[in-house]
Amino acid sequence: MLSHSLEQGVLVIVVHDDPGIGGRAALLAEISGLVHAHKSAPVVLVLDEPAASGAAVSAVLRAHRMCSDLGVFMSVATPSFPARRLLEVNADTTGIRLAIHASAETAVSIAAAFATAA
């Protein structure tokens, strides 16, 4: 369902497939485990086109709240305009702002710059 790597000091998590409503909790648990294992690294969640569903967006929004509570910068990248719009409209605005990008490369380079500046 997902893969991960470290790029320029940034934890990059790629969600490849739609988890569906039944898989949303499992997806969030996997993301949470990776974030906690790499706690000091900023996070970029990439939603591949097949994964840009309501269930995946919901898991990303919950992951953002978790990252914000931990003080971890998080951004999301997806080529899907509808998914980006859902993220923008529903993102929690009380903590660290969720950065939303169309390109994973842009998201990683901004997150790496953020990590360097912090």
PDB file of N, CA and C in Angstrom:
ATOM      1  N   MET A   1       0.814  -1.186   0.000  1.00  0.00           N
ATOM      2  CA  MET A   1       0.000   0.000   0.000  1.00  0.00           C
ATOM      3  C   MET A   1       0.866   1.261   0.000  1.00  0.00           C
ATOM      4  N   LEU A   2       2.011   1.218   0.710  1.00  0.00           N
ATOM      5  CA  LEU A   2       2.879   2.380   0.719  1.00  0.00           C
ATOM      6  C   LEU A   2       4.338   1.979   0.729  1.00  0.00           C
ATOM      7  N   SER A   3       5.173   2.959   0.416  1.00  0.00           N
ATOM      8  CA  SER A   3       6.618   2.792   0.508  1.00  0.00           C
ATOM      9  C   SER A   3       7.166   4.061   1.135  1.00  0.00           C
ATOM     10  N   HIS A   4       8.407   3.987   1.597  1.00  0.00           N
ATOM     11  CA  HIS A   4       9.001   5.170   2.198  1.00  0.00           C
ATOM     12  C   HIS A   4      10.496   5.227   1.927  1.00  0.00           C
ATOM     13  N   SER A   5      11.046   6.436   2.034  1.00  0.00           N
ATOM     14  CA  SER A   5      12.480   6.643   1.868  1.00  0.00           C
ATOM     15  C   SER A   5      12.859   7.919   2.603  1.00  0.00           C
ATOM     16  N   LEU A   6      14.145   8.119   2.768  1.00  0.00           N
ATOM     17  CA  LEU A   6      14.667   9.376   3.295  1.00  0.00           C
ATOM     18  C   LEU A   6      15.362  10.092   2.157  1.00  0.00           C
ATOM     19  N   GLU A   7      14.925  11.300   1.867  1.00  0.00           N
ATOM     20  CA  GLU A   7      15.511  12.101   0.798  1.00  0.00           C
ATOM     21  C   GLU A   7      15.860  13.466   1.364  1.00  0.00           C
ATOM     22  N   GLN A   8      17.118  13.831   1.329  1.00  0.00           N
ATOM     23  CA  GLN A   8      17.578  15.132   1.810  1.00  0.00           C
ATOM     24  C   GLN A   8      17.149  15.382   3.252  1.00  0.00           C
ATOM     25  N   GLY A   9      17.110  14.333   4.076  1.00  0.00           N
ATOM     26  CA  GLY A   9      16.703  14.463   5.465  1.00  0.00           C
ATOM     27  C   GLY A   9      15.199  14.525   5.671  1.00  0.00           C
ATOM     28  N   VAL A  10      14.438  14.239   4.631  1.00  0.00           N
ATOM     29  CA  VAL A  10      12.975  14.293   4.670  1.00  0.00           C
ATOM     30  C   VAL A  10      12.430  12.873   4.553  1.00  0.00           C
ATOM     31  N   LEU A  11      11.507  12.520   5.449  1.00  0.00           N
ATOM     32  CA  LEU A  11      10.820  11.238   5.348  1.00  0.00           C
ATOM     33  C   LEU A  11       9.745  11.356   4.277  1.00  0.00           C
ATOM     34  N   VAL A  12       9.913  10.595   3.199  1.00  0.00           N
ATOM     35  CA  VAL A  12       8.964  10.628   2.084  1.00  0.00           C
ATOM     36  C   VAL A  12       8.175   9.322   2.114  1.00  0.00           C
ATOM     37  N   ILE A  13       6.877   9.448   2.293  1.00  0.00           N
ATOM     38  CA  ILE A  13       5.976   8.296   2.342  1.00  0.00           C
ATOM     39  C   ILE A  13       5.070   8.371   1.116  1.00  0.00           C
ATOM     40  N   VAL A  14       5.100   7.339   0.302  1.00  0.00           N
ATOM     41  CA  VAL A  14       4.293   7.306  -0.916  1.00  0.00           C
ATOM     42  C   VAL A  14       3.162   6.296  -0.736  1.00  0.00           C
ATOM     43  N   VAL A  15       1.939   6.790  -0.867  1.00  0.00           N
ATOM     44  CA  VAL A  15       0.762   5.924  -0.819  1.00  0.00           C
ATOM     45  C   VAL A  15       0.424   5.586  -2.266  1.00  0.00           C
ATOM     46  N   HIS A  16       0.513   4.303  -2.597  1.00  0.00           N
ATOM     47  CA  HIS A  16       0.358   3.866  -3.980  1.00  0.00           C
ATOM     48  C   HIS A  16      -1.084   3.543  -4.369  1.00  0.00           C
ATOM     49  N   ASP A  17      -1.859   3.045  -3.416  1.00  0.00           N
ATOM     50  CA  ASP A  17      -3.199   2.547  -3.730  1.00  0.00           C
ATOM     51  C   ASP A  17      -4.240   3.141  -2.780  1.00  0.00           C
ATOM     52  N   ASP A  18      -5.469   3.167  -3.232  1.00  0.00           N
ATOM     53  CA  ASP A  18      -6.595   3.608  -2.424  1.00  0.00           C
ATOM     54  C   ASP A  18      -6.791   2.602  -1.285  1.00  0.00           C
ATOM     55  N   PRO A  19      -6.715   3.057  -0.033  1.00  0.00           N
ATOM     56  CA  PRO A  19      -6.895   2.112   1.076  1.00  0.00           C
ATOM     57  C   PRO A  19      -8.343   1.712   1.284  1.00  0.00           C
ATOM     58  N   GLY A  20      -9.273   2.476   0.716  1.00  0.00           N
ATOM     59  CA  GLY A  20     -10.684   2.229   0.967  1.00  0.00           C
ATOM     60  C   GLY A  20     -11.013   2.582   2.407  1.00  0.00           C
ATOM     61  N   ILE A  21     -12.293   2.680   2.695  1.00  0.00           N
ATOM     62  CA  ILE A  21     -12.721   3.033   4.052  1.00  0.00           C
ATOM     63  C   ILE A  21     -12.199   2.017   5.065  1.00  0.00           C
ATOM     64  N   GLY A  22     -12.237   0.746   4.714  1.00  0.00           N
ATOM     65  CA  GLY A  22     -11.785  -0.297   5.637  1.00  0.00           C
ATOM     66  C   GLY A  22     -10.295  -0.301   5.886  1.00  0.00           C
ATOM     67  N   GLY A  23      -9.512   0.280   4.984  1.00  0.00           N
ATOM     68  CA  GLY A  23      -8.057   0.298   5.133  1.00  0.00           C
ATOM     69  C   GLY A  23      -7.505   1.602   5.668  1.00  0.00           C
ATOM     70  N   ARG A  24      -8.372   2.561   5.913  1.00  0.00           N
ATOM     71  CA  ARG A  24      -7.932   3.890   6.360  1.00  0.00           C
ATOM     72  C   ARG A  24      -7.175   3.818   7.685  1.00  0.00           C
ATOM     73  N   ALA A  25      -7.685   3.074   8.658  1.00  0.00           N
ATOM     74  CA  ALA A  25      -7.034   2.972   9.965  1.00  0.00           C
ATOM     75  C   ALA A  25      -5.665   2.301   9.850  1.00  0.00           C
ATOM     76  N   ALA A  26      -5.579   1.264   9.022  1.00  0.00           N
ATOM     77  CA  ALA A  26      -4.299   0.576   8.833  1.00  0.00           C
ATOM     78  C   ALA A  26      -3.282   1.505   8.171  1.00  0.00           C
ATOM     79  N   LEU A  27      -3.733   2.285   7.200  1.00  0.00           N
ATOM     80  CA  LEU A  27      -2.846   3.243   6.542  1.00  0.00           C
ATOM     81  C   LEU A  27      -2.339   4.268   7.552  1.00  0.00           C
ATOM     82  N   LEU A  28      -3.223   4.810   8.357  1.00  0.00           N
ATOM     83  CA  LEU A  28      -2.823   5.780   9.369  1.00  0.00           C
ATOM     84  C   LEU A  28      -1.840   5.165  10.359  1.00  0.00           C
ATOM     85  N   ALA A  29      -2.061   3.925  10.745  1.00  0.00           N
ATOM     86  CA  ALA A  29      -1.148   3.245  11.678  1.00  0.00           C
ATOM     87  C   ALA A  29       0.244   3.095  11.066  1.00  0.00           C
ATOM     88  N   GLU A  30       0.309   2.753   9.780  1.00  0.00           N
ATOM     89  CA  GLU A  30       1.609   2.625   9.114  1.00  0.00           C
ATOM     90  C   GLU A  30       2.319   3.973   9.037  1.00  0.00           C
ATOM     91  N   ILE A  31       1.575   5.006   8.673  1.00  0.00           N
ATOM     92  CA  ILE A  31       2.153   6.352   8.601  1.00  0.00           C
ATOM     93  C   ILE A  31       2.637   6.775   9.976  1.00  0.00           C
ATOM     94  N   SER A  32       1.828   6.558  10.990  1.00  0.00           N
ATOM     95  CA  SER A  32       2.178   6.923  12.364  1.00  0.00           C
ATOM     96  C   SER A  32       3.462   6.230  12.813  1.00  0.00           C
ATOM     97  N   GLY A  33       3.578   4.956  12.527  1.00  0.00           N
ATOM     98  CA  GLY A  33       4.787   4.215  12.888  1.00  0.00           C
ATOM     99  C   GLY A  33       6.029   4.793  12.240  1.00  0.00           C
ATOM    100  N   LEU A  34       5.922   5.150  10.965  1.00  0.00           N
ATOM    101  CA  LEU A  34       7.069   5.728  10.262  1.00  0.00           C
ATOM    102  C   LEU A  34       7.416   7.117  10.813  1.00  0.00           C
ATOM    103  N   VAL A  35       6.409   7.925  11.076  1.00  0.00           N
ATOM    104  CA  VAL A  35       6.654   9.267  11.617  1.00  0.00           C
ATOM    105  C   VAL A  35       7.337   9.168  12.975  1.00  0.00           C
ATOM    106  N   HIS A  36       6.862   8.277  13.829  1.00  0.00           N
ATOM    107  CA  HIS A  36       7.474   8.126  15.153  1.00  0.00           C
ATOM    108  C   HIS A  36       8.900   7.574  15.058  1.00  0.00           C
ATOM    109  N   ALA A  37       9.159   6.714  14.094  1.00  0.00           N
ATOM    110  CA  ALA A  37      10.505   6.159  13.922  1.00  0.00           C
ATOM    111  C   ALA A  37      11.496   7.200  13.413  1.00  0.00           C
ATOM    112  N   HIS A  38      11.004   8.215  12.708  1.00  0.00           N
ATOM    113  CA  HIS A  38      11.858   9.270  12.133  1.00  0.00           C
ATOM    114  C   HIS A  38      11.421  10.628  12.671  1.00  0.00           C
ATOM    115  N   LYS A  39      11.173  10.713  13.963  1.00  0.00           N
ATOM    116  CA  LYS A  39      10.503  11.855  14.585  1.00  0.00           C
ATOM    117  C   LYS A  39      11.105  13.216  14.257  1.00  0.00           C
ATOM    118  N   SER A  40      12.389  13.310  14.094  1.00  0.00           N
ATOM    119  CA  SER A  40      12.990  14.628  13.861  1.00  0.00           C
ATOM    120  C   SER A  40      12.909  15.071  12.399  1.00  0.00           C
ATOM    121  N   ALA A  41      12.549  14.173  11.511  1.00  0.00           N
ATOM    122  CA  ALA A  41      12.530  14.500  10.079  1.00  0.00           C
ATOM    123  C   ALA A  41      11.182  15.085   9.661  1.00  0.00           C
ATOM    124  N   PRO A  42      11.216  16.129   8.808  1.00  0.00           N
ATOM    125  CA  PRO A  42       9.958  16.586   8.214  1.00  0.00           C
ATOM    126  C   PRO A  42       9.382  15.453   7.354  1.00  0.00           C
ATOM    127  N   VAL A  43       8.077  15.506   7.124  1.00  0.00           N
ATOM    128  CA  VAL A  43       7.384  14.431   6.414  1.00  0.00           C
ATOM    129  C   VAL A  43       6.738  14.975   5.146  1.00  0.00           C
ATOM    130  N   VAL A  44       6.909  14.235   4.054  1.00  0.00           N
ATOM    131  CA  VAL A  44       6.161  14.494   2.828  1.00  0.00           C
ATOM    132  C   VAL A  44       5.370  13.234   2.520  1.00  0.00           C
ATOM    133  N   LEU A  45       4.055  13.379   2.469  1.00  0.00           N
ATOM    134  CA  LEU A  45       3.182  12.281   2.064  1.00  0.00           C
ATOM    135  C   LEU A  45       2.817  12.491   0.608  1.00  0.00           C
ATOM    136  N   VAL A  46       3.071  11.500  -0.205  1.00  0.00           N
ATOM    137  CA  VAL A  46       2.766  11.571  -1.629  1.00  0.00           C
ATOM    138  C   VAL A  46       1.606  10.627  -1.907  1.00  0.00           C
ATOM    139  N   LEU A  47       0.539  11.171  -2.464  1.00  0.00           N
ATOM    140  CA  LEU A  47      -0.602  10.353  -2.873  1.00  0.00           C
ATOM    141  C   LEU A  47      -0.530  10.156  -4.378  1.00  0.00           C
ATOM    142  N   ASP A  48      -0.145   8.951  -4.795  1.00  0.00           N
ATOM    143  CA  ASP A  48      -0.188   8.651  -6.219  1.00  0.00           C
ATOM    144  C   ASP A  48      -1.625   8.786  -6.704  1.00  0.00           C
ATOM    145  N   GLU A  49      -1.808   8.971  -7.992  1.00  0.00           N
ATOM    146  CA  GLU A  49      -3.154   9.180  -8.556  1.00  0.00           C
ATOM    147  C   GLU A  49      -4.161   8.115  -8.106  1.00  0.00           C
ATOM    148  N   PRO A  50      -3.828   6.804  -8.141  1.00  0.00           N
ATOM    149  CA  PRO A  50      -4.820   5.812  -7.706  1.00  0.00           C
ATOM    150  C   PRO A  50      -5.162   5.912  -6.216  1.00  0.00           C
ATOM    151  N   ALA A  51      -4.304   6.545  -5.428  1.00  0.00           N
ATOM    152  CA  ALA A  51      -4.520   6.641  -3.983  1.00  0.00           C
ATOM    153  C   ALA A  51      -5.224   7.920  -3.576  1.00  0.00           C
ATOM    154  N   ALA A  52      -5.485   8.812  -4.503  1.00  0.00           N
ATOM    155  CA  ALA A  52      -6.046  10.128  -4.177  1.00  0.00           C
ATOM    156  C   ALA A  52      -7.558  10.050  -3.980  1.00  0.00           C
ATOM    157  N   SER A  53      -7.959   9.253  -2.996  1.00  0.00           N
ATOM    158  CA  SER A  53      -9.380   9.041  -2.711  1.00  0.00           C
ATOM    159  C   SER A  53      -9.762   9.731  -1.414  1.00  0.00           C
ATOM    160  N   GLY A  54     -11.040   9.745  -1.129  1.00  0.00           N
ATOM    161  CA  GLY A  54     -11.510  10.321   0.120  1.00  0.00           C
ATOM    162  C   GLY A  54     -10.935   9.621   1.339  1.00  0.00           C
ATOM    163  N   ALA A  55     -10.801   8.299   1.279  1.00  0.00           N
ATOM    164  CA  ALA A  55     -10.249   7.548   2.411  1.00  0.00           C
ATOM    165  C   ALA A  55      -8.797   7.921   2.656  1.00  0.00           C
ATOM    166  N   ALA A  56      -8.011   8.028   1.600  1.00  0.00           N
ATOM    167  CA  ALA A  56      -6.602   8.400   1.744  1.00  0.00           C
ATOM    168  C   ALA A  56      -6.478   9.835   2.238  1.00  0.00           C
ATOM    169  N   VAL A  57      -7.295  10.725   1.709  1.00  0.00           N
ATOM    170  CA  VAL A  57      -7.269  12.121   2.158  1.00  0.00           C
ATOM    171  C   VAL A  57      -7.603  12.194   3.642  1.00  0.00           C
ATOM    172  N   SER A  58      -8.578  11.434   4.087  1.00  0.00           N
ATOM    173  CA  SER A  58      -8.937  11.398   5.498  1.00  0.00           C
ATOM    174  C   SER A  58      -7.755  10.936   6.352  1.00  0.00           C
ATOM    175  N   ALA A  59      -7.061   9.891   5.919  1.00  0.00           N
ATOM    176  CA  ALA A  59      -5.892   9.400   6.659  1.00  0.00           C
ATOM    177  C   ALA A  59      -4.788  10.462   6.685  1.00  0.00           C
ATOM    178  N   VAL A  60      -4.590  11.164   5.573  1.00  0.00           N
ATOM    179  CA  VAL A  60      -3.571  12.220   5.512  1.00  0.00           C
ATOM    180  C   VAL A  60      -3.923  13.348   6.481  1.00  0.00           C
ATOM    181  N   LEU A  61      -5.173  13.740   6.539  1.00  0.00           N
ATOM    182  CA  LEU A  61      -5.582  14.807   7.454  1.00  0.00           C
ATOM    183  C   LEU A  61      -5.366  14.396   8.910  1.00  0.00           C
ATOM    184  N   ARG A  62      -5.640  13.155   9.225  1.00  0.00           N
ATOM    185  CA  ARG A  62      -5.381  12.663  10.589  1.00  0.00           C
ATOM    186  C   ARG A  62      -3.882  12.612  10.871  1.00  0.00           C
ATOM    187  N   ALA A  63      -3.107  12.208   9.879  1.00  0.00           N
ATOM    188  CA  ALA A  63      -1.647  12.194  10.044  1.00  0.00           C
ATOM    189  C   ALA A  63      -1.118  13.611  10.248  1.00  0.00           C
ATOM    190  N   HIS A  64      -1.701  14.577   9.549  1.00  0.00           N
ATOM    191  CA  HIS A  64      -1.285  15.963   9.725  1.00  0.00           C
ATOM    192  C   HIS A  64      -1.534  16.433  11.156  1.00  0.00           C
ATOM    193  N   ARG A  65      -2.691  16.109  11.712  1.00  0.00           N
ATOM    194  CA  ARG A  65      -2.979  16.488  13.105  1.00  0.00           C
ATOM    195  C   ARG A  65      -1.957  15.859  14.052  1.00  0.00           C
ATOM    196  N   MET A  66      -1.613  14.582  13.802  1.00  0.00           N
ATOM    197  CA  MET A  66      -0.632  13.904  14.629  1.00  0.00           C
ATOM    198  C   MET A  66       0.726  14.595  14.520  1.00  0.00           C
ATOM    199  N   CYS A  67       1.158  14.885  13.274  1.00  0.00           N
ATOM    200  CA  CYS A  67       2.442  15.543  13.071  1.00  0.00           C
ATOM    201  C   CYS A  67       2.459  16.916  13.730  1.00  0.00           C
ATOM    202  N   SER A  68       1.385  17.644  13.591  1.00  0.00           N
ATOM    203  CA  SER A  68       1.288  18.964  14.205  1.00  0.00           C
ATOM    204  C   SER A  68       1.420  18.856  15.721  1.00  0.00           C
ATOM    205  N   ASP A  69       0.759  17.888  16.321  1.00  0.00           N
ATOM    206  CA  ASP A  69       0.863  17.667  17.772  1.00  0.00           C
ATOM    207  C   ASP A  69       2.288  17.326  18.186  1.00  0.00           C
ATOM    208  N   LEU A  70       3.023  16.639  17.310  1.00  0.00           N
ATOM    209  CA  LEU A  70       4.413  16.269  17.594  1.00  0.00           C
ATOM    210  C   LEU A  70       5.401  17.384  17.257  1.00  0.00           C
ATOM    211  N   GLY A  71       4.921  18.441  16.606  1.00  0.00           N
ATOM    212  CA  GLY A  71       5.808  19.519  16.183  1.00  0.00           C
ATOM    213  C   GLY A  71       6.602  19.179  14.935  1.00  0.00           C
ATOM    214  N   VAL A  72       6.075  18.275  14.117  1.00  0.00           N
ATOM    215  CA  VAL A  72       6.749  17.818  12.899  1.00  0.00           C
ATOM    216  C   VAL A  72       6.108  18.495  11.689  1.00  0.00           C
ATOM    217  N   PHE A  73       6.936  19.132  10.854  1.00  0.00           N
ATOM    218  CA  PHE A  73       6.458  19.749   9.618  1.00  0.00           C
ATOM    219  C   PHE A  73       6.031  18.657   8.653  1.00  0.00           C
ATOM    220  N   MET A  74       4.843  18.808   8.074  1.00  0.00           N
ATOM    221  CA  MET A  74       4.339  17.823   7.118  1.00  0.00           C
ATOM    222  C   MET A  74       3.773  18.527   5.901  1.00  0.00           C
ATOM    223  N   SER A  75       4.039  17.949   4.759  1.00  0.00           N
ATOM    224  CA  SER A  75       3.407  18.420   3.533  1.00  0.00           C
ATOM    225  C   SER A  75       2.903  17.213   2.767  1.00  0.00           C
ATOM    226  N   VAL A  76       2.032  17.491   1.815  1.00  0.00           N
ATOM    227  CA  VAL A  76       1.465  16.427   0.992  1.00  0.00           C
ATOM    228  C   VAL A  76       1.579  16.844  -0.465  1.00  0.00           C
ATOM    229  N   ALA A  77       1.812  15.860  -1.309  1.00  0.00           N
ATOM    230  CA  ALA A  77       1.898  16.105  -2.752  1.00  0.00           C
ATOM    231  C   ALA A  77       1.017  15.094  -3.466  1.00  0.00           C
ATOM    232  N   THR A  78       0.235  15.605  -4.399  1.00  0.00           N
ATOM    233  CA  THR A  78      -0.582  14.734  -5.246  1.00  0.00           C
ATOM    234  C   THR A  78      -0.895  15.467  -6.542  1.00  0.00           C
ATOM    235  N   PRO A  79      -0.879  14.755  -7.654  1.00  0.00           N
ATOM    236  CA  PRO A  79      -1.245  15.395  -8.912  1.00  0.00           C
ATOM    237  C   PRO A  79      -2.754  15.635  -9.036  1.00  0.00           C
ATOM    238  N   SER A  80      -3.540  15.066  -8.126  1.00  0.00           N
ATOM    239  CA  SER A  80      -5.000  15.151  -8.191  1.00  0.00           C
ATOM    240  C   SER A  80      -5.492  16.486  -7.633  1.00  0.00           C
ATOM    241  N   PHE A  81      -6.037  17.324  -8.519  1.00  0.00           N
ATOM    242  CA  PHE A  81      -6.573  18.594  -8.057  1.00  0.00           C
ATOM    243  C   PHE A  81      -7.723  18.406  -7.069  1.00  0.00           C
ATOM    244  N   PRO A  82      -8.675  17.484  -7.307  1.00  0.00           N
ATOM    245  CA  PRO A  82      -9.750  17.297  -6.326  1.00  0.00           C
ATOM    246  C   PRO A  82      -9.217  16.903  -4.936  1.00  0.00           C
ATOM    247  N   ALA A  83      -8.195  16.066  -4.898  1.00  0.00           N
ATOM    248  CA  ALA A  83      -7.622  15.676  -3.598  1.00  0.00           C
ATOM    249  C   ALA A  83      -6.945  16.869  -2.932  1.00  0.00           C
ATOM    250  N   ARG A  84      -6.211  17.675  -3.707  1.00  0.00           N
ATOM    251  CA  ARG A  84      -5.566  18.868  -3.134  1.00  0.00           C
ATOM    252  C   ARG A  84      -6.619  19.818  -2.575  1.00  0.00           C
ATOM    253  N   ARG A  85      -7.711  19.974  -3.293  1.00  0.00           N
ATOM    254  CA  ARG A  85      -8.786  20.861  -2.844  1.00  0.00           C
ATOM    255  C   ARG A  85      -9.414  20.343  -1.546  1.00  0.00           C
ATOM    256  N   LEU A  86      -9.672  19.038  -1.468  1.00  0.00           N
ATOM    257  CA  LEU A  86     -10.202  18.451  -0.234  1.00  0.00           C
ATOM    258  C   LEU A  86      -9.253  18.676   0.939  1.00  0.00           C
ATOM    259  N   LEU A  87      -7.963  18.526   0.690  1.00  0.00           N
ATOM    260  CA  LEU A  87      -6.967  18.752   1.740  1.00  0.00           C
ATOM    261  C   LEU A  87      -6.980  20.203   2.200  1.00  0.00           C
ATOM    262  N   GLU A  88      -7.023  21.128   1.246  1.00  0.00           N
ATOM    263  CA  GLU A  88      -7.032  22.555   1.592  1.00  0.00           C
ATOM    264  C   GLU A  88      -8.247  22.918   2.440  1.00  0.00           C
ATOM    265  N   VAL A  89      -9.408  22.436   2.039  1.00  0.00           N
ATOM    266  CA  VAL A  89     -10.656  22.798   2.706  1.00  0.00           C
ATOM    267  C   VAL A  89     -10.740  22.188   4.111  1.00  0.00           C
ATOM    268  N   ASN A  90     -10.184  21.001   4.290  1.00  0.00           N
ATOM    269  CA  ASN A  90     -10.366  20.269   5.541  1.00  0.00           C
ATOM    270  C   ASN A  90      -9.155  20.241   6.465  1.00  0.00           C
ATOM    271  N   ALA A  91      -8.044  20.848   6.074  1.00  0.00           N
ATOM    272  CA  ALA A  91      -6.834  20.819   6.904  1.00  0.00           C
ATOM    273  C   ALA A  91      -7.052  21.566   8.211  1.00  0.00           C
ATOM    274  N   ASP A  92      -6.475  21.026   9.260  1.00  0.00           N
ATOM    275  CA  ASP A  92      -6.519  21.654  10.576  1.00  0.00           C
ATOM    276  C   ASP A  92      -5.662  22.921  10.531  1.00  0.00           C
ATOM    277  N   THR A  93      -6.208  24.013  10.973  1.00  0.00           N
ATOM    278  CA  THR A  93      -5.485  25.290  10.916  1.00  0.00           C
ATOM    279  C   THR A  93      -5.008  25.747  12.286  1.00  0.00           C
ATOM    280  N   THR A  94      -5.160  24.908  13.313  1.00  0.00           N
ATOM    281  CA  THR A  94      -4.771  25.328  14.655  1.00  0.00           C
ATOM    282  C   THR A  94      -3.306  25.040  14.973  1.00  0.00           C
ATOM    283  N   GLY A  95      -2.658  24.183  14.231  1.00  0.00           N
ATOM    284  CA  GLY A  95      -1.272  23.830  14.512  1.00  0.00           C
ATOM    285  C   GLY A  95      -0.369  24.247  13.368  1.00  0.00           C
ATOM    286  N   ILE A  96       0.594  23.394  13.083  1.00  0.00           N
ATOM    287  CA  ILE A  96       1.506  23.640  11.971  1.00  0.00           C
ATOM    288  C   ILE A  96       0.725  23.501  10.673  1.00  0.00           C
ATOM    289  N   ARG A  97       0.844  24.485   9.824  1.00  0.00           N
ATOM    290  CA  ARG A  97       0.098  24.511   8.562  1.00  0.00           C
ATOM    291  C   ARG A  97       0.494  23.340   7.660  1.00  0.00           C
ATOM    292  N   LEU A  98      -0.496  22.729   7.022  1.00  0.00           N
ATOM    293  CA  LEU A  98      -0.257  21.669   6.051  1.00  0.00           C
ATOM    294  C   LEU A  98       0.096  22.304   4.720  1.00  0.00           C
ATOM    295  N   ALA A  99       1.286  21.976   4.212  1.00  0.00           N
ATOM    296  CA  ALA A  99       1.701  22.460   2.894  1.00  0.00           C
ATOM    297  C   ALA A  99       1.231  21.452   1.854  1.00  0.00           C
ATOM    298  N   ILE A 100       0.592  21.943   0.802  1.00  0.00           N
ATOM    299  CA  ILE A 100      -0.002  21.073  -0.217  1.00  0.00           C
ATOM    300  C   ILE A 100       0.595  21.429  -1.569  1.00  0.00           C
ATOM    301  N   HIS A 101       1.111  20.413  -2.284  1.00  0.00           N
ATOM    302  CA  HIS A 101       1.793  20.624  -3.558  1.00  0.00           C
ATOM    303  C   HIS A 101       1.291  19.641  -4.614  1.00  0.00           C
ATOM    304  N   ALA A 102       1.461  20.011  -5.864  1.00  0.00           N
ATOM    305  CA  ALA A 102       1.127  19.117  -6.973  1.00  0.00           C
ATOM    306  C   ALA A 102       2.281  18.175  -7.280  1.00  0.00           C
ATOM    307  N   SER A 103       3.492  18.570  -6.907  1.00  0.00           N
ATOM    308  CA  SER A 103       4.693  17.816  -7.265  1.00  0.00           C
ATOM    309  C   SER A 103       5.432  17.331  -6.016  1.00  0.00           C
ATOM    310  N   ALA A 104       5.806  16.066  -6.020  1.00  0.00           N
ATOM    311  CA  ALA A 104       6.578  15.513  -4.904  1.00  0.00           C
ATOM    312  C   ALA A 104       7.950  16.170  -4.811  1.00  0.00           C
ATOM    313  N   GLU A 105       8.560  16.449  -5.940  1.00  0.00           N
ATOM    314  CA  GLU A 105       9.895  17.066  -5.942  1.00  0.00           C
ATOM    315  C   GLU A 105       9.860  18.427  -5.261  1.00  0.00           C
ATOM    316  N   THR A 106       8.834  19.211  -5.553  1.00  0.00           N
ATOM    317  CA  THR A 106       8.692  20.523  -4.922  1.00  0.00           C
ATOM    318  C   THR A 106       8.488  20.362  -3.426  1.00  0.00           C
ATOM    319  N   ALA A 107       7.634  19.449  -3.032  1.00  0.00           N
ATOM    320  CA  ALA A 107       7.349  19.229  -1.616  1.00  0.00           C
ATOM    321  C   ALA A 107       8.609  18.823  -0.859  1.00  0.00           C
ATOM    322  N   VAL A 108       9.406  17.935  -1.433  1.00  0.00           N
ATOM    323  CA  VAL A 108      10.632  17.476  -0.774  1.00  0.00           C
ATOM    324  C   VAL A 108      11.635  18.606  -0.664  1.00  0.00           C
ATOM    325  N   SER A 109      11.818  19.392  -1.733  1.00  0.00           N
ATOM    326  CA  SER A 109      12.807  20.459  -1.669  1.00  0.00           C
ATOM    327  C   SER A 109      12.410  21.537  -0.656  1.00  0.00           C
ATOM    328  N   ILE A 110      11.124  21.850  -0.545  1.00  0.00           N
ATOM    329  CA  ILE A 110      10.669  22.830   0.439  1.00  0.00           C
ATOM    330  C   ILE A 110      10.822  22.274   1.851  1.00  0.00           C
ATOM    331  N   ALA A 111      10.465  21.019   2.045  1.00  0.00           N
ATOM    332  CA  ALA A 111      10.613  20.399   3.370  1.00  0.00           C
ATOM    333  C   ALA A 111      12.091  20.318   3.777  1.00  0.00           C
ATOM    334  N   ALA A 112      12.971  20.020   2.829  1.00  0.00           N
ATOM    335  CA  ALA A 112      14.401  19.972   3.125  1.00  0.00           C
ATOM    336  C   ALA A 112      14.911  21.352   3.512  1.00  0.00           C
ATOM    337  N   ALA A 113      14.451  22.384   2.813  1.00  0.00           N
ATOM    338  CA  ALA A 113      14.843  23.748   3.163  1.00  0.00           C
ATOM    339  C   ALA A 113      14.323  24.113   4.548  1.00  0.00           C
ATOM    340  N   PHE A 114      13.104  23.702   4.860  1.00  0.00           N
ATOM    341  CA  PHE A 114      12.524  23.955   6.180  1.00  0.00           C
ATOM    342  C   PHE A 114      13.364  23.283   7.261  1.00  0.00           C
ATOM    343  N   ALA A 115      13.786  22.029   7.018  1.00  0.00           N
ATOM    344  CA  ALA A 115      14.589  21.297   7.989  1.00  0.00           C
ATOM    345  C   ALA A 115      15.944  21.965   8.203  1.00  0.00           C
ATOM    346  N   THR A 116      16.524  22.482   7.131  1.00  0.00           N
ATOM    347  CA  THR A 116      17.820  23.142   7.224  1.00  0.00           C
ATOM    348  C   THR A 116      17.699  24.436   8.014  1.00  0.00           C
ATOM    349  N   ALA A 117      16.610  25.163   7.816  1.00  0.00           N
ATOM    350  CA  ALA A 117      16.410  26.448   8.479  1.00  0.00           C
ATOM    351  C   ALA A 117      16.051  26.284   9.955  1.00  0.00           C
ATOM    352  N   ALA A 118      15.474  25.142  10.299  1.00  0.00           N
ATOM    353  CA  ALA A 118      15.017  24.943  11.698  1.00  0.00           C
ATOM    354  C   ALA A 118      16.147  24.656  12.647  1.00  0.00           C
TER     355      ALA A 118
END
